[in-house]
Amino acid sequence: MEPSRDVSPRSRWTTLSLLIFLAPLAILNPSLADPMKQLETGFCGGCALSGADLRGRDLRGAYLIGADLRGADLQGADLSEANLEGADLSGANLESAQLIGSRLSNADLRGANLRWADLSDAIAIQAITEGAQVEGLQFAGAELYRSNLIVGGGDDQRTEGSAPGTERKTGL
């Protein structure tokens, strides 16, 4: 014989409360399940934005750690001070993007278009950069340890093919 279970209204309320508080945030707020909506908040860690059209977007200071931006079009976007650590930007178009002071450590930039992008003062330690297009890339003051991004170098801190007048001196 099974003991009878007394299910009081209070215990039902407690169970219901726990379910509500433990339910995934996306269920409670469906707009957060949409990566583009999350991006608008500036907090989009791990977002799936593969192939997204983000041309010219203001993403200054955005939190994009581990975001999937494979093949995304970020041409002319402002990603200054953005945190892109561990993000997958392989094949992304970052032409003329502003990445000043951004954090790209352990990011995957294989095959990315970085032509005329500005990585000044960025931190891109151990970034994977095979096949990245870097014509005109600016990188004065950037920390690029264990990244094979740079071709050339020297005092003027710009890559081969830089536009005249884009030189940046580091004072080293």
N, C-alpha and C. Protein backbone atom coordinates (compact mmCIF):
# COMPACT_ATOMS: atom_id res chain seq x y z
N MET A 1 0.82 -1.16 0.00
CA MET A 1 0.00 0.00 0.00
C MET A 1 0.88 1.24 0.00
N GLU A 2 0.60 2.13 -0.92
CA GLU A 2 1.38 3.36 -1.05
C GLU A 2 0.89 4.40 -0.06
N PRO A 3 1.82 5.14 0.53
CA PRO A 3 1.37 6.21 1.41
C PRO A 3 0.71 7.29 0.58
N SER A 4 -0.29 7.91 1.13
CA SER A 4 -0.97 8.98 0.40
C SER A 4 -0.08 10.21 0.38
N ARG A 5 -0.10 10.89 -0.74
CA ARG A 5 0.72 12.10 -0.89
C ARG A 5 -0.18 13.30 -0.73
N ASP A 6 0.18 14.11 0.19
CA ASP A 6 -0.58 15.33 0.40
C ASP A 6 0.02 16.42 -0.47
N VAL A 7 -0.67 16.81 -1.49
CA VAL A 7 -0.19 17.86 -2.38
C VAL A 7 -0.97 19.12 -2.05
N SER A 8 -0.37 19.90 -1.22
CA SER A 8 -1.04 21.13 -0.79
C SER A 8 -0.88 22.20 -1.86
N PRO A 9 -1.74 23.20 -1.83
CA PRO A 9 -1.60 24.30 -2.79
C PRO A 9 -0.23 24.97 -2.67
N ARG A 10 0.31 25.02 -1.47
CA ARG A 10 1.62 25.65 -1.26
C ARG A 10 2.72 24.86 -1.98
N SER A 11 2.70 23.53 -1.89
CA SER A 11 3.74 22.74 -2.56
C SER A 11 3.60 22.82 -4.07
N ARG A 12 2.35 22.91 -4.56
CA ARG A 12 2.16 23.10 -6.00
C ARG A 12 2.74 24.43 -6.45
N TRP A 13 2.51 25.47 -5.67
CA TRP A 13 3.03 26.80 -5.99
C TRP A 13 4.56 26.80 -5.98
N THR A 14 5.16 26.11 -5.02
CA THR A 14 6.62 26.02 -4.94
C THR A 14 7.16 25.33 -6.17
N THR A 15 6.55 24.23 -6.57
CA THR A 15 6.99 23.51 -7.76
C THR A 15 6.86 24.37 -9.00
N LEU A 16 5.72 25.04 -9.12
CA LEU A 16 5.50 25.92 -10.27
C LEU A 16 6.51 27.06 -10.29
N SER A 17 6.80 27.62 -9.14
CA SER A 17 7.78 28.71 -9.05
C SER A 17 9.15 28.25 -9.49
N LEU A 18 9.54 27.06 -9.06
CA LEU A 18 10.84 26.53 -9.46
C LEU A 18 10.91 26.34 -10.97
N LEU A 19 9.84 25.80 -11.55
CA LEU A 19 9.83 25.61 -13.00
C LEU A 19 9.95 26.93 -13.74
N ILE A 20 9.26 27.94 -13.24
CA ILE A 20 9.32 29.25 -13.90
C ILE A 20 10.73 29.82 -13.81
N PHE A 21 11.34 29.74 -12.64
CA PHE A 21 12.67 30.33 -12.46
C PHE A 21 13.77 29.52 -13.13
N LEU A 22 13.55 28.24 -13.30
CA LEU A 22 14.58 27.41 -13.91
C LEU A 22 14.39 27.23 -15.41
N ALA A 23 13.28 27.72 -15.94
CA ALA A 23 13.04 27.60 -17.39
C ALA A 23 14.07 28.43 -18.14
N PRO A 24 14.44 28.00 -19.32
CA PRO A 24 15.42 28.77 -20.10
C PRO A 24 14.91 30.19 -20.38
N LEU A 25 15.82 31.12 -20.35
CA LEU A 25 15.49 32.52 -20.56
C LEU A 25 14.83 32.74 -21.92
N ALA A 26 15.22 32.00 -22.91
CA ALA A 26 14.64 32.17 -24.24
C ALA A 26 13.16 31.82 -24.27
N ILE A 27 12.74 30.91 -23.39
CA ILE A 27 11.31 30.57 -23.35
C ILE A 27 10.53 31.71 -22.72
N LEU A 28 11.10 32.32 -21.69
CA LEU A 28 10.43 33.42 -21.02
C LEU A 28 10.40 34.69 -21.88
N ASN A 29 11.44 34.87 -22.67
CA ASN A 29 11.53 36.05 -23.53
C ASN A 29 11.96 35.61 -24.92
N PRO A 30 11.02 35.24 -25.79
CA PRO A 30 11.35 34.69 -27.10
C PRO A 30 12.24 35.60 -27.95
N SER A 31 12.22 36.90 -27.71
CA SER A 31 13.05 37.79 -28.52
C SER A 31 14.53 37.50 -28.29
N LEU A 32 14.88 36.94 -27.11
CA LEU A 32 16.27 36.63 -26.84
C LEU A 32 16.74 35.38 -27.58
N ALA A 33 15.82 34.59 -28.11
CA ALA A 33 16.19 33.43 -28.91
C ALA A 33 16.66 33.86 -30.29
N ASP A 34 16.33 35.06 -30.71
CA ASP A 34 16.73 35.60 -32.01
C ASP A 34 18.09 36.28 -31.86
N PRO A 35 19.13 35.73 -32.51
CA PRO A 35 20.47 36.32 -32.36
C PRO A 35 20.53 37.80 -32.77
N MET A 36 19.74 38.21 -33.76
CA MET A 36 19.77 39.62 -34.16
C MET A 36 19.21 40.50 -33.05
N LYS A 37 18.22 40.02 -32.33
CA LYS A 37 17.67 40.77 -31.19
C LYS A 37 18.70 40.83 -30.07
N GLN A 38 19.39 39.70 -29.84
CA GLN A 38 20.43 39.68 -28.81
C GLN A 38 21.55 40.65 -29.18
N LEU A 39 21.89 40.70 -30.45
CA LEU A 39 22.95 41.59 -30.90
C LEU A 39 22.61 43.04 -30.59
N GLU A 40 21.36 43.40 -30.69
CA GLU A 40 20.93 44.76 -30.39
C GLU A 40 21.19 45.13 -28.93
N THR A 41 21.22 44.13 -28.04
CA THR A 41 21.49 44.40 -26.63
C THR A 41 22.97 44.60 -26.37
N GLY A 42 23.82 44.19 -27.33
CA GLY A 42 25.26 44.29 -27.15
C GLY A 42 25.85 43.07 -26.47
N PHE A 43 25.00 42.13 -26.09
CA PHE A 43 25.46 40.91 -25.43
C PHE A 43 24.98 39.73 -26.25
N CYS A 44 25.93 39.11 -26.98
CA CYS A 44 25.55 38.03 -27.89
C CYS A 44 26.61 36.94 -27.87
N GLY A 45 27.05 36.55 -26.68
CA GLY A 45 28.06 35.51 -26.56
C GLY A 45 27.53 34.20 -27.12
N GLY A 46 28.30 33.59 -28.02
CA GLY A 46 27.92 32.33 -28.62
C GLY A 46 26.80 32.41 -29.64
N CYS A 47 26.42 33.59 -30.05
CA CYS A 47 25.33 33.76 -31.02
C CYS A 47 25.65 33.10 -32.35
N ALA A 48 24.62 32.60 -33.00
CA ALA A 48 24.75 32.00 -34.33
C ALA A 48 24.39 33.07 -35.36
N LEU A 49 25.41 33.73 -35.90
CA LEU A 49 25.20 34.81 -36.86
C LEU A 49 25.92 34.50 -38.18
N SER A 50 26.08 33.24 -38.48
CA SER A 50 26.76 32.82 -39.69
C SER A 50 26.05 33.40 -40.91
N GLY A 51 26.82 34.09 -41.76
CA GLY A 51 26.28 34.66 -42.99
C GLY A 51 25.42 35.91 -42.80
N ALA A 52 25.36 36.44 -41.60
CA ALA A 52 24.51 37.62 -41.32
C ALA A 52 25.02 38.86 -42.05
N ASP A 53 24.11 39.72 -42.45
CA ASP A 53 24.44 41.01 -43.08
C ASP A 53 24.51 42.06 -41.98
N LEU A 54 25.73 42.39 -41.58
CA LEU A 54 25.97 43.35 -40.50
C LEU A 54 26.79 44.54 -41.01
N ARG A 55 26.69 44.81 -42.30
CA ARG A 55 27.45 45.91 -42.90
C ARG A 55 27.14 47.23 -42.22
N GLY A 56 28.21 47.94 -41.86
CA GLY A 56 28.08 49.27 -41.29
C GLY A 56 27.45 49.33 -39.91
N ARG A 57 27.23 48.21 -39.26
CA ARG A 57 26.57 48.19 -37.94
C ARG A 57 27.48 48.78 -36.86
N ASP A 58 26.88 49.44 -35.91
CA ASP A 58 27.60 49.97 -34.75
C ASP A 58 27.57 48.89 -33.67
N LEU A 59 28.67 48.18 -33.53
CA LEU A 59 28.79 47.10 -32.56
C LEU A 59 29.89 47.41 -31.56
N ARG A 60 30.12 48.69 -31.32
CA ARG A 60 31.15 49.10 -30.37
C ARG A 60 30.89 48.49 -29.01
N GLY A 61 31.93 47.86 -28.45
CA GLY A 61 31.84 47.30 -27.10
C GLY A 61 30.98 46.05 -26.99
N ALA A 62 30.55 45.49 -28.10
CA ALA A 62 29.67 44.31 -28.06
C ALA A 62 30.41 43.11 -27.47
N TYR A 63 29.67 42.29 -26.76
CA TYR A 63 30.17 41.05 -26.17
C TYR A 63 29.81 39.92 -27.13
N LEU A 64 30.81 39.45 -27.90
CA LEU A 64 30.58 38.44 -28.92
C LEU A 64 31.50 37.24 -28.72
N ILE A 65 31.83 36.93 -27.48
CA ILE A 65 32.72 35.81 -27.19
C ILE A 65 32.12 34.53 -27.76
N GLY A 66 32.92 33.80 -28.56
CA GLY A 66 32.49 32.53 -29.11
C GLY A 66 31.38 32.62 -30.14
N ALA A 67 31.08 33.81 -30.63
CA ALA A 67 30.00 33.96 -31.62
C ALA A 67 30.38 33.29 -32.94
N ASP A 68 29.39 32.75 -33.62
CA ASP A 68 29.57 32.14 -34.93
C ASP A 68 29.26 33.19 -35.98
N LEU A 69 30.32 33.79 -36.52
CA LEU A 69 30.18 34.84 -37.54
C LEU A 69 30.79 34.38 -38.86
N ARG A 70 30.80 33.08 -39.09
CA ARG A 70 31.37 32.55 -40.33
C ARG A 70 30.67 33.15 -41.53
N GLY A 71 31.45 33.73 -42.44
CA GLY A 71 30.89 34.28 -43.67
C GLY A 71 30.02 35.50 -43.48
N ALA A 72 30.00 36.07 -42.28
CA ALA A 72 29.18 37.27 -42.04
C ALA A 72 29.76 38.46 -42.78
N ASP A 73 28.90 39.37 -43.20
CA ASP A 73 29.34 40.59 -43.89
C ASP A 73 29.37 41.72 -42.86
N LEU A 74 30.57 42.07 -42.43
CA LEU A 74 30.79 43.12 -41.44
C LEU A 74 31.53 44.30 -42.07
N GLN A 75 31.40 44.45 -43.38
CA GLN A 75 32.11 45.52 -44.07
C GLN A 75 31.72 46.87 -43.47
N GLY A 76 32.74 47.64 -43.08
CA GLY A 76 32.53 48.98 -42.53
C GLY A 76 31.91 49.01 -41.14
N ALA A 77 31.74 47.86 -40.51
CA ALA A 77 31.14 47.82 -39.16
C ALA A 77 32.12 48.39 -38.14
N ASP A 78 31.58 48.96 -37.07
CA ASP A 78 32.42 49.47 -35.98
C ASP A 78 32.38 48.48 -34.84
N LEU A 79 33.45 47.72 -34.71
CA LEU A 79 33.60 46.73 -33.65
C LEU A 79 34.66 47.17 -32.64
N SER A 80 34.88 48.48 -32.53
CA SER A 80 35.86 49.00 -31.59
C SER A 80 35.50 48.55 -30.18
N GLU A 81 36.51 48.10 -29.45
CA GLU A 81 36.37 47.65 -28.06
C GLU A 81 35.45 46.43 -27.91
N ALA A 82 35.09 45.77 -29.01
CA ALA A 82 34.25 44.57 -28.93
C ALA A 82 35.07 43.39 -28.43
N ASN A 83 34.42 42.48 -27.75
CA ASN A 83 35.08 41.27 -27.28
C ASN A 83 34.68 40.12 -28.19
N LEU A 84 35.61 39.71 -29.06
CA LEU A 84 35.39 38.65 -30.04
C LEU A 84 36.28 37.44 -29.74
N GLU A 85 36.66 37.27 -28.48
CA GLU A 85 37.54 36.17 -28.12
C GLU A 85 36.88 34.85 -28.47
N GLY A 86 37.63 34.00 -29.18
CA GLY A 86 37.13 32.69 -29.55
C GLY A 86 36.03 32.69 -30.60
N ALA A 87 35.73 33.84 -31.18
CA ALA A 87 34.68 33.92 -32.20
C ALA A 87 35.16 33.27 -33.50
N ASP A 88 34.24 32.72 -34.26
CA ASP A 88 34.56 32.14 -35.56
C ASP A 88 34.19 33.16 -36.63
N LEU A 89 35.22 33.83 -37.15
CA LEU A 89 35.05 34.83 -38.21
C LEU A 89 35.63 34.32 -39.53
N SER A 90 35.74 33.01 -39.66
CA SER A 90 36.32 32.46 -40.88
C SER A 90 35.45 32.85 -42.08
N GLY A 91 36.12 33.35 -43.10
CA GLY A 91 35.44 33.76 -44.32
C GLY A 91 34.60 35.02 -44.19
N ALA A 92 34.68 35.69 -43.05
CA ALA A 92 33.88 36.91 -42.85
C ALA A 92 34.47 38.07 -43.63
N ASN A 93 33.62 39.00 -44.02
CA ASN A 93 34.06 40.21 -44.72
C ASN A 93 34.16 41.33 -43.69
N LEU A 94 35.40 41.68 -43.32
CA LEU A 94 35.66 42.75 -42.37
C LEU A 94 36.35 43.92 -43.05
N GLU A 95 36.16 44.04 -44.36
CA GLU A 95 36.80 45.12 -45.11
C GLU A 95 36.39 46.47 -44.53
N SER A 96 37.38 47.30 -44.26
CA SER A 96 37.20 48.65 -43.72
C SER A 96 36.51 48.68 -42.35
N ALA A 97 36.47 47.56 -41.67
CA ALA A 97 35.86 47.52 -40.33
C ALA A 97 36.79 48.17 -39.31
N GLN A 98 36.19 48.77 -38.30
CA GLN A 98 36.94 49.37 -37.20
C GLN A 98 36.96 48.36 -36.06
N LEU A 99 38.16 47.86 -35.76
CA LEU A 99 38.34 46.89 -34.68
C LEU A 99 39.32 47.45 -33.65
N ILE A 100 39.32 48.76 -33.50
CA ILE A 100 40.26 49.44 -32.62
C ILE A 100 40.01 49.00 -31.18
N GLY A 101 41.06 48.47 -30.55
CA GLY A 101 40.97 48.05 -29.16
C GLY A 101 40.11 46.81 -28.93
N SER A 102 39.76 46.12 -29.99
CA SER A 102 38.94 44.92 -29.84
C SER A 102 39.78 43.75 -29.32
N ARG A 103 39.12 42.73 -28.81
CA ARG A 103 39.79 41.54 -28.30
C ARG A 103 39.44 40.36 -29.20
N LEU A 104 40.45 39.86 -29.90
CA LEU A 104 40.27 38.78 -30.87
C LEU A 104 41.11 37.56 -30.54
N SER A 105 41.55 37.43 -29.30
CA SER A 105 42.39 36.28 -28.94
C SER A 105 41.65 34.98 -29.20
N ASN A 106 42.37 34.04 -29.79
CA ASN A 106 41.83 32.72 -30.14
C ASN A 106 40.67 32.77 -31.13
N ALA A 107 40.50 33.88 -31.81
CA ALA A 107 39.46 33.97 -32.84
C ALA A 107 39.93 33.27 -34.11
N ASP A 108 39.01 32.76 -34.88
CA ASP A 108 39.30 32.10 -36.15
C ASP A 108 39.01 33.08 -37.27
N LEU A 109 40.08 33.58 -37.90
CA LEU A 109 39.96 34.55 -38.99
C LEU A 109 40.42 33.94 -40.32
N ARG A 110 40.40 32.62 -40.41
CA ARG A 110 40.86 31.98 -41.65
C ARG A 110 40.04 32.45 -42.84
N GLY A 111 40.75 32.92 -43.86
CA GLY A 111 40.09 33.35 -45.08
C GLY A 111 39.27 34.62 -44.95
N ALA A 112 39.37 35.32 -43.83
CA ALA A 112 38.60 36.56 -43.64
C ALA A 112 39.18 37.68 -44.49
N ASN A 113 38.33 38.59 -44.92
CA ASN A 113 38.74 39.77 -45.66
C ASN A 113 38.97 40.89 -44.64
N LEU A 114 40.24 41.19 -44.39
CA LEU A 114 40.61 42.26 -43.45
C LEU A 114 41.20 43.46 -44.18
N ARG A 115 40.92 43.56 -45.48
CA ARG A 115 41.48 44.69 -46.25
C ARG A 115 41.00 46.01 -45.67
N TRP A 116 41.96 46.89 -45.43
CA TRP A 116 41.73 48.25 -44.95
C TRP A 116 41.03 48.31 -43.58
N ALA A 117 41.03 47.20 -42.88
CA ALA A 117 40.48 47.19 -41.52
C ALA A 117 41.48 47.84 -40.57
N ASP A 118 40.99 48.33 -39.45
CA ASP A 118 41.84 48.98 -38.45
C ASP A 118 41.83 48.16 -37.17
N LEU A 119 42.96 47.47 -36.93
CA LEU A 119 43.14 46.66 -35.73
C LEU A 119 44.04 47.37 -34.72
N SER A 120 44.15 48.67 -34.80
CA SER A 120 45.01 49.41 -33.88
C SER A 120 44.62 49.11 -32.44
N ASP A 121 45.63 48.85 -31.62
CA ASP A 121 45.46 48.58 -30.19
C ASP A 121 44.61 47.35 -29.89
N ALA A 122 44.36 46.51 -30.87
CA ALA A 122 43.59 45.28 -30.65
C ALA A 122 44.48 44.22 -30.01
N ILE A 123 43.85 43.25 -29.39
CA ILE A 123 44.56 42.10 -28.82
C ILE A 123 44.09 40.88 -29.58
N ALA A 124 45.01 40.29 -30.33
CA ALA A 124 44.67 39.12 -31.15
C ALA A 124 45.69 38.02 -30.92
N ILE A 125 45.87 37.64 -29.67
CA ILE A 125 46.84 36.62 -29.31
C ILE A 125 46.32 35.26 -29.75
N GLN A 126 47.16 34.53 -30.43
CA GLN A 126 46.87 33.19 -30.96
C GLN A 126 45.65 33.15 -31.88
N ALA A 127 45.40 34.23 -32.57
CA ALA A 127 44.31 34.22 -33.55
C ALA A 127 44.74 33.34 -34.73
N ILE A 128 43.80 32.60 -35.29
CA ILE A 128 44.05 31.74 -36.44
C ILE A 128 43.75 32.57 -37.68
N THR A 129 44.78 32.79 -38.50
CA THR A 129 44.61 33.77 -39.57
C THR A 129 45.05 33.28 -40.95
N GLU A 130 45.21 31.99 -41.14
CA GLU A 130 45.67 31.49 -42.44
C GLU A 130 44.72 31.95 -43.54
N GLY A 131 45.31 32.48 -44.61
CA GLY A 131 44.54 32.87 -45.78
C GLY A 131 43.77 34.18 -45.65
N ALA A 132 43.96 34.90 -44.54
CA ALA A 132 43.27 36.19 -44.38
C ALA A 132 43.84 37.19 -45.38
N GLN A 133 42.99 38.02 -45.93
CA GLN A 133 43.40 39.07 -46.86
C GLN A 133 43.67 40.33 -46.04
N VAL A 134 44.91 40.83 -46.13
CA VAL A 134 45.34 41.88 -45.21
C VAL A 134 45.83 43.17 -45.88
N GLU A 135 45.56 43.36 -47.13
CA GLU A 135 46.01 44.57 -47.81
C GLU A 135 45.48 45.81 -47.09
N GLY A 136 46.40 46.71 -46.73
CA GLY A 136 46.03 47.96 -46.09
C GLY A 136 45.65 47.85 -44.63
N LEU A 137 45.80 46.69 -44.05
CA LEU A 137 45.44 46.48 -42.65
C LEU A 137 46.29 47.38 -41.75
N GLN A 138 45.65 48.08 -40.83
CA GLN A 138 46.35 48.92 -39.85
C GLN A 138 46.37 48.18 -38.53
N PHE A 139 47.53 48.20 -37.84
CA PHE A 139 47.64 47.43 -36.62
C PHE A 139 48.58 48.05 -35.61
N ALA A 140 48.74 49.36 -35.62
CA ALA A 140 49.63 50.03 -34.68
C ALA A 140 49.19 49.75 -33.25
N GLY A 141 50.14 49.32 -32.43
CA GLY A 141 49.87 49.08 -31.02
C GLY A 141 49.13 47.78 -30.74
N ALA A 142 48.85 47.00 -31.76
CA ALA A 142 48.11 45.74 -31.55
C ALA A 142 49.02 44.68 -30.95
N GLU A 143 48.46 43.80 -30.13
CA GLU A 143 49.17 42.66 -29.57
C GLU A 143 48.78 41.45 -30.41
N LEU A 144 49.75 40.96 -31.18
CA LEU A 144 49.47 39.90 -32.14
C LEU A 144 50.33 38.67 -31.89
N TYR A 145 50.67 38.41 -30.65
CA TYR A 145 51.54 37.29 -30.31
C TYR A 145 50.93 35.97 -30.76
N ARG A 146 51.79 35.15 -31.38
CA ARG A 146 51.40 33.84 -31.88
C ARG A 146 50.29 33.89 -32.91
N SER A 147 50.11 35.02 -33.54
CA SER A 147 49.20 35.14 -34.68
C SER A 147 50.07 35.35 -35.91
N ASN A 148 49.74 34.73 -37.00
CA ASN A 148 50.55 34.89 -38.20
C ASN A 148 49.92 35.87 -39.18
N LEU A 149 49.21 36.82 -38.67
CA LEU A 149 48.44 37.77 -39.46
C LEU A 149 49.29 38.73 -40.26
N ILE A 150 50.38 39.18 -39.70
CA ILE A 150 51.11 40.30 -40.28
C ILE A 150 52.11 39.85 -41.34
N VAL A 151 52.07 40.55 -42.46
CA VAL A 151 53.09 40.40 -43.49
C VAL A 151 53.82 41.73 -43.54
N GLY A 152 55.12 41.68 -43.53
CA GLY A 152 55.87 42.94 -43.51
C GLY A 152 56.02 43.43 -42.10
N GLY A 153 55.78 44.71 -41.87
CA GLY A 153 55.93 45.29 -40.54
C GLY A 153 56.84 46.49 -40.65
N GLY A 154 57.66 46.69 -39.66
CA GLY A 154 58.56 47.83 -39.67
C GLY A 154 57.98 48.99 -38.89
N ASP A 155 58.67 50.15 -39.00
CA ASP A 155 58.28 51.31 -38.21
C ASP A 155 56.93 51.89 -38.57
N ASP A 156 56.51 51.77 -39.83
CA ASP A 156 55.27 52.44 -40.20
C ASP A 156 54.02 51.63 -39.84
N GLN A 157 54.19 50.40 -39.37
CA GLN A 157 53.09 49.58 -38.86
C GLN A 157 51.89 49.52 -39.80
N ARG A 158 52.12 49.13 -41.00
CA ARG A 158 51.02 48.88 -41.93
C ARG A 158 51.43 47.74 -42.84
N THR A 159 50.50 47.07 -43.44
CA THR A 159 50.80 45.94 -44.29
C THR A 159 51.11 46.43 -45.70
N GLU A 160 51.60 45.50 -46.51
CA GLU A 160 51.90 45.84 -47.89
C GLU A 160 50.66 46.35 -48.58
N GLY A 161 50.80 47.38 -49.39
CA GLY A 161 49.68 47.90 -50.15
C GLY A 161 48.84 48.91 -49.41
N SER A 162 49.32 49.39 -48.27
CA SER A 162 48.54 50.38 -47.52
C SER A 162 48.38 51.66 -48.31
N ALA A 163 47.26 52.28 -48.12
CA ALA A 163 47.00 53.54 -48.79
C ALA A 163 47.93 54.61 -48.26
N PRO A 164 48.41 55.51 -49.10
CA PRO A 164 49.25 56.60 -48.63
C PRO A 164 48.54 57.41 -47.55
N GLY A 165 49.30 57.81 -46.54
CA GLY A 165 48.76 58.64 -45.48
C GLY A 165 48.13 57.82 -44.35
N THR A 166 48.21 56.49 -44.43
CA THR A 166 47.62 55.68 -43.36
C THR A 166 48.69 55.16 -42.40
N GLU A 167 49.91 55.64 -42.52
CA GLU A 167 50.98 55.17 -41.66
C GLU A 167 50.71 55.50 -40.20
N ARG A 168 51.12 54.58 -39.33
CA ARG A 168 50.99 54.81 -37.89
C ARG A 168 52.32 54.48 -37.25
N LYS A 169 52.88 55.41 -36.53
CA LYS A 169 54.16 55.21 -35.84
C LYS A 169 53.88 54.66 -34.45
N THR A 170 54.73 53.71 -34.01
CA THR A 170 54.51 53.11 -32.70
C THR A 170 55.40 53.71 -31.63
N GLY A 171 56.48 54.35 -32.00
CA GLY A 171 57.38 54.94 -31.03
C GLY A 171 58.27 53.89 -30.37
N LEU A 172 58.43 52.70 -30.96
CA LEU A 172 59.29 51.66 -30.39
C LEU A 172 60.74 52.02 -30.54
